[in-house]
Amino acid sequence: MSTQLTVVHTNDTHGRMREPVIARLRALLAGLPEVLYLDAGDTITAGNLGFKLSGEPALAALTDLGCAAMCLGNRETHPRKELFPIKVASAGHPLLSANAIAKGDAPLPVVPQVVVERSGLRVGVFGVTVQMFTRKQWSQALCDYWFEDPMAAARAQVDELRPRVDVLIALTHLGFTQDQILAQLCPELDLLIGGHSHTDLEAPCMVGEVPVVQAYAYAYHAGVAVLDVSPGRRAQLIEWRREPLRDDRE
């Protein structure tokens, strides 16, 4: 007997998670059974080096909407240990980045993965982030964090999670081209949800048997993916659509 899993996803909303958008997204989520809501990063307005001491309302809004996990986007990062945790402190939901590494005693406000249950299914979700600060950059001495190779980090997450879960989802902030490479490297994935490149897809991009999806940017759309999961076979994407959340006037 098969089970259906519904996943709603957003990405690159860049501060447009305002009341009309929140209301539409809340209504969408409320109308779907056992829904899993994920975000692929760049939710806030601050730049890579910016931060708000008062906190980021968009992160709090995602928590209030029941976001199960969010991939760390480049805008949510900061190179300094005094500021990175403060920058994302408004998030009451897990921030994912399997390739983010802390130097020394720097606090790391992200985790590599989460495993959640929906509709009786164990769903593994891991995140990987575009390399913002690397070991080889001239500015590395000023950074308390670096980002390792996202492909190697993703491969390690797949190897660890696949035997333990019914559904495996990659939540990335790498861009559409890199997402396709990752899907080739990790054919065991059931779904890859991306961000960063603001790609406006009208249909899923199939890389082998891995569906790659993205919901453009600026909170114009949410993506809705429906997976059919049967014992003894890999999950099948049976539906993906975009749901409107705002127009140009909002």
Protein backbone atom coordinates (compact mmCIF):
# COMPACT_ATOMS: atom_id res chain seq x y z
CA MET A 1 0.00 0.00 0.00
CA SER A 2 1.41 3.39 -0.97
CA THR A 3 1.56 6.58 1.08
CA GLN A 4 1.60 10.12 -0.26
CA LEU A 5 3.89 12.82 1.11
CA THR A 6 3.19 16.47 0.30
CA VAL A 7 6.09 18.93 0.45
CA VAL A 8 5.64 22.71 0.19
CA HIS A 9 8.81 24.68 -0.50
CA THR A 10 9.94 28.31 -0.84
CA ASN A 11 13.32 29.89 -1.59
CA ASP A 12 15.01 33.27 -1.98
CA THR A 13 12.09 35.25 -0.57
CA HIS A 14 14.50 38.11 0.30
CA GLY A 15 12.33 39.84 2.89
CA ARG A 16 9.06 39.54 0.95
CA MET A 17 7.58 37.22 3.56
CA ARG A 18 5.04 39.90 4.53
CA GLU A 19 1.51 39.62 5.88
CA PRO A 20 -0.39 38.99 2.60
CA VAL A 21 2.19 36.36 1.59
CA ILE A 22 2.17 34.78 5.04
CA ALA A 23 -1.64 34.60 4.99
CA ARG A 24 -1.70 32.89 1.58
CA LEU A 25 1.04 30.46 2.55
CA ARG A 26 -0.65 29.67 5.85
CA ALA A 27 -3.90 28.90 4.01
CA LEU A 28 -2.05 26.68 1.52
CA LEU A 29 -0.35 24.73 4.30
CA ALA A 30 -3.57 24.39 6.29
CA GLY A 31 -5.33 22.81 3.32
CA LEU A 32 -2.80 20.02 2.82
CA PRO A 33 -2.66 16.81 4.87
CA GLU A 34 0.47 16.13 6.96
CA VAL A 35 2.38 18.69 4.92
CA LEU A 36 6.15 19.13 5.16
CA TYR A 37 7.20 22.77 4.70
CA LEU A 38 10.84 23.46 3.74
CA ASP A 39 12.73 26.62 2.71
CA ALA A 40 15.91 26.72 0.59
CA GLY A 41 17.46 29.89 2.03
CA ASP A 42 18.01 33.61 1.44
CA THR A 43 14.87 34.49 3.34
CA ILE A 44 16.25 37.66 4.93
CA THR A 45 17.06 41.08 3.48
CA ALA A 46 20.49 41.62 5.07
CA GLY A 47 23.53 41.18 2.88
CA ASN A 48 26.25 38.62 3.50
CA LEU A 49 28.01 40.91 5.99
CA GLY A 50 24.89 42.65 7.30
CA PHE A 51 22.83 41.79 10.38
CA LYS A 52 19.94 43.13 12.45
CA LEU A 53 20.39 43.24 16.21
CA SER A 54 16.60 43.29 16.53
CA GLY A 55 16.36 39.96 14.68
CA GLU A 56 15.02 38.94 11.30
CA PRO A 57 11.19 38.85 11.18
CA ALA A 58 11.22 36.61 8.09
CA LEU A 59 12.94 33.85 10.06
CA ALA A 60 10.39 34.13 12.85
CA ALA A 61 7.60 34.03 10.25
CA LEU A 62 8.90 30.73 8.85
CA THR A 63 8.97 29.26 12.34
CA ASP A 64 5.40 30.41 12.95
CA LEU A 65 4.33 28.80 9.67
CA GLY A 66 5.70 25.47 10.84
CA CYS A 67 8.84 25.29 8.68
CA ALA A 68 10.44 21.92 9.43
CA ALA A 69 13.87 23.00 8.16
CA MET A 70 15.58 25.72 6.13
CA CYS A 71 18.81 25.52 4.18
CA LEU A 72 21.29 28.19 5.19
CA GLY A 73 21.49 30.71 2.35
CA ASN A 74 24.42 33.00 1.67
CA ARG A 75 22.48 35.94 3.10
CA GLU A 76 22.04 34.14 6.39
CA THR A 77 25.80 33.60 6.80
CA HIS A 78 28.36 35.79 8.52
CA PRO A 79 32.13 35.23 8.83
CA ARG A 80 32.38 36.34 12.47
CA LYS A 81 31.42 34.20 15.47
CA GLU A 82 30.18 37.25 17.36
CA LEU A 83 27.52 37.92 14.71
CA PHE A 84 26.58 34.70 12.89
CA PRO A 85 24.49 33.27 15.78
CA ILE A 86 22.84 36.65 16.40
CA LYS A 87 21.98 37.03 12.72
CA VAL A 88 19.90 33.83 12.66
CA ALA A 89 18.68 33.81 16.27
CA SER A 90 15.08 34.55 15.22
CA ALA A 91 14.81 31.11 13.62
CA GLY A 92 13.03 28.64 15.88
CA HIS A 93 13.34 25.96 13.21
CA PRO A 94 16.49 24.03 12.21
CA LEU A 95 18.95 25.68 9.82
CA LEU A 96 20.73 23.12 7.67
CA SER A 97 24.21 23.21 6.16
CA ALA A 98 26.25 20.03 6.08
CA ASN A 99 29.28 21.79 4.58
CA ALA A 100 29.51 24.64 7.11
CA ILE A 101 32.45 24.23 9.51
CA ALA A 102 33.31 26.26 12.61
CA LYS A 103 36.89 27.13 13.48
CA GLY A 104 38.05 26.61 17.05
CA ASP A 105 35.37 27.40 19.61
CA ALA A 106 33.10 29.36 17.26
CA PRO A 107 29.43 28.44 17.83
CA LEU A 108 27.83 26.88 14.76
CA PRO A 109 24.09 27.73 14.55
CA VAL A 110 23.37 25.09 11.90
CA VAL A 111 23.03 21.30 11.77
CA PRO A 112 23.69 19.05 8.76
CA GLN A 113 20.37 17.21 8.69
CA VAL A 114 17.01 16.51 10.27
CA VAL A 115 14.79 13.43 10.23
CA VAL A 116 11.07 14.15 10.62
CA GLU A 117 7.96 12.02 10.45
CA ARG A 118 5.01 12.76 8.18
CA SER A 119 2.17 10.39 7.25
CA GLY A 120 4.00 7.58 9.02
CA LEU A 121 7.11 8.08 6.87
CA ARG A 122 10.60 8.88 8.08
CA VAL A 123 11.81 11.78 5.96
CA GLY A 124 15.49 12.72 5.94
CA VAL A 125 16.42 16.26 4.88
CA PHE A 126 19.97 17.61 4.61
CA GLY A 127 21.24 20.99 3.49
CA VAL A 128 24.29 22.25 1.60
CA THR A 129 25.27 25.88 1.02
CA VAL A 130 27.25 27.74 -1.62
CA GLN A 131 30.86 28.18 -0.46
CA MET A 132 30.93 31.63 1.09
CA PHE A 133 34.26 31.43 2.95
CA THR A 134 36.80 28.79 2.01
CA ARG A 135 40.15 27.64 3.40
CA LYS A 136 41.99 29.09 0.39
CA GLN A 137 40.58 32.62 0.42
CA TRP A 138 42.99 35.41 1.35
CA SER A 139 40.44 36.61 3.93
CA GLN A 140 40.28 33.25 5.73
CA ALA A 141 42.29 34.60 8.66
CA LEU A 142 39.43 37.01 9.37
CA CYS A 143 36.74 34.31 9.24
CA ASP A 144 35.54 32.05 12.04
CA TYR A 145 33.85 29.68 9.60
CA TRP A 146 34.49 28.05 6.26
CA PHE A 147 32.41 26.05 3.82
CA GLU A 148 33.72 22.75 2.53
CA ASP A 149 32.92 21.18 -0.85
CA PRO A 150 29.10 20.89 -0.97
CA MET A 151 29.22 17.88 -3.31
CA ALA A 152 31.39 15.83 -0.96
CA ALA A 153 29.23 16.88 2.00
CA ALA A 154 26.05 15.89 0.14
CA ARG A 155 27.48 12.52 -0.83
CA ALA A 156 28.36 11.81 2.81
CA GLN A 157 24.86 12.79 3.95
CA VAL A 158 23.24 10.48 1.39
CA ASP A 159 25.43 7.58 2.47
CA GLU A 160 24.46 8.14 6.11
CA LEU A 161 20.76 8.89 5.73
CA ARG A 162 19.55 6.66 2.90
CA PRO A 163 19.50 3.41 4.93
CA ARG A 164 17.59 5.10 7.77
CA VAL A 165 14.74 6.91 6.01
CA ASP A 166 11.80 6.26 3.70
CA VAL A 167 12.21 9.53 1.80
CA LEU A 168 15.45 11.47 1.25
CA ILE A 169 15.40 15.17 0.30
CA ALA A 170 18.32 17.47 -0.48
CA LEU A 171 17.62 21.11 0.43
CA THR A 172 20.25 23.22 -1.27
CA HIS A 173 21.39 26.80 -1.76
CA LEU A 174 23.79 26.22 -4.64
CA GLY A 175 22.01 27.28 -7.83
CA PHE A 176 20.30 25.28 -10.56
CA THR A 177 23.43 24.21 -12.46
CA GLN A 178 25.09 22.87 -9.32
CA ASP A 179 21.84 21.18 -8.29
CA GLN A 180 21.88 19.14 -11.50
CA ILE A 181 25.47 18.07 -10.82
CA LEU A 182 24.54 17.10 -7.26
CA ALA A 183 21.58 15.06 -8.52
CA GLN A 184 23.91 13.15 -10.85
CA LEU A 185 26.31 12.51 -7.98
CA CYS A 186 23.53 11.37 -5.62
CA PRO A 187 21.00 9.34 -7.66
CA GLU A 188 19.55 7.89 -4.44
CA LEU A 189 17.78 11.20 -3.73
CA ASP A 190 13.98 11.22 -3.93
CA LEU A 191 13.75 15.01 -4.34
CA LEU A 192 16.14 17.96 -4.63
CA ILE A 193 14.78 21.38 -3.65
CA GLY A 194 17.09 24.23 -4.62
CA GLY A 195 17.61 27.94 -4.36
CA HIS A 196 20.18 30.72 -4.98
CA SER A 197 19.84 31.02 -8.78
CA HIS A 198 16.21 32.28 -8.78
CA THR A 199 15.34 29.74 -11.46
CA ASP A 200 11.77 30.00 -12.72
CA LEU A 201 10.80 26.41 -13.46
CA GLU A 202 7.45 25.51 -14.94
CA ALA A 203 8.04 21.78 -14.46
CA PRO A 204 10.50 19.64 -12.52
CA CYS A 205 13.88 19.02 -14.11
CA MET A 206 14.52 15.27 -14.07
CA VAL A 207 18.17 14.27 -13.65
CA GLY A 208 17.92 10.53 -14.11
CA GLU A 209 15.24 9.63 -11.57
CA VAL A 210 15.89 12.64 -9.32
CA PRO A 211 13.40 15.54 -9.63
CA VAL A 212 15.07 18.94 -9.21
CA VAL A 213 12.71 21.81 -8.34
CA GLN A 214 12.92 25.49 -7.43
CA ALA A 215 10.23 28.14 -6.89
CA TYR A 216 11.78 31.25 -8.50
CA ALA A 217 12.27 34.01 -5.85
CA TYR A 218 10.83 37.02 -3.98
CA ALA A 219 7.86 35.00 -2.63
CA TYR A 220 5.98 35.02 -5.93
CA HIS A 221 5.38 31.27 -5.68
CA ALA A 222 5.53 28.29 -3.40
CA GLY A 223 6.26 24.90 -4.90
CA VAL A 224 4.08 21.91 -4.02
CA ALA A 225 5.53 18.44 -4.57
CA VAL A 226 3.57 15.23 -4.01
CA LEU A 227 5.55 12.01 -3.64
CA ASP A 228 4.11 8.51 -3.77
CA VAL A 229 5.97 6.13 -1.46
CA SER A 230 5.48 2.37 -1.72
CA PRO A 231 7.30 -0.37 0.23
CA GLY A 232 10.23 -1.82 -1.68
CA ARG A 233 10.51 0.92 -4.33
CA ARG A 234 11.84 4.45 -4.47
CA ALA A 235 9.52 7.39 -3.96
CA GLN A 236 7.93 8.74 -7.15
CA LEU A 237 7.12 12.39 -7.79
CA ILE A 238 3.53 12.27 -9.03
CA GLU A 239 2.76 16.01 -8.97
CA TRP A 240 4.59 19.32 -8.78
CA ARG A 241 2.98 22.70 -9.16
CA ARG A 242 3.55 26.35 -8.31
CA GLU A 243 1.08 28.17 -6.09
CA PRO A 244 0.96 32.01 -6.32
CA LEU A 245 1.74 33.92 -3.13
CA ARG A 246 2.01 37.56 -4.28
CA ASP A 247 1.82 39.88 -7.27
CA ASP A 248 3.90 42.90 -8.27
CA ARG A 249 1.86 45.26 -6.09
CA GLU A 250 2.72 43.53 -2.83
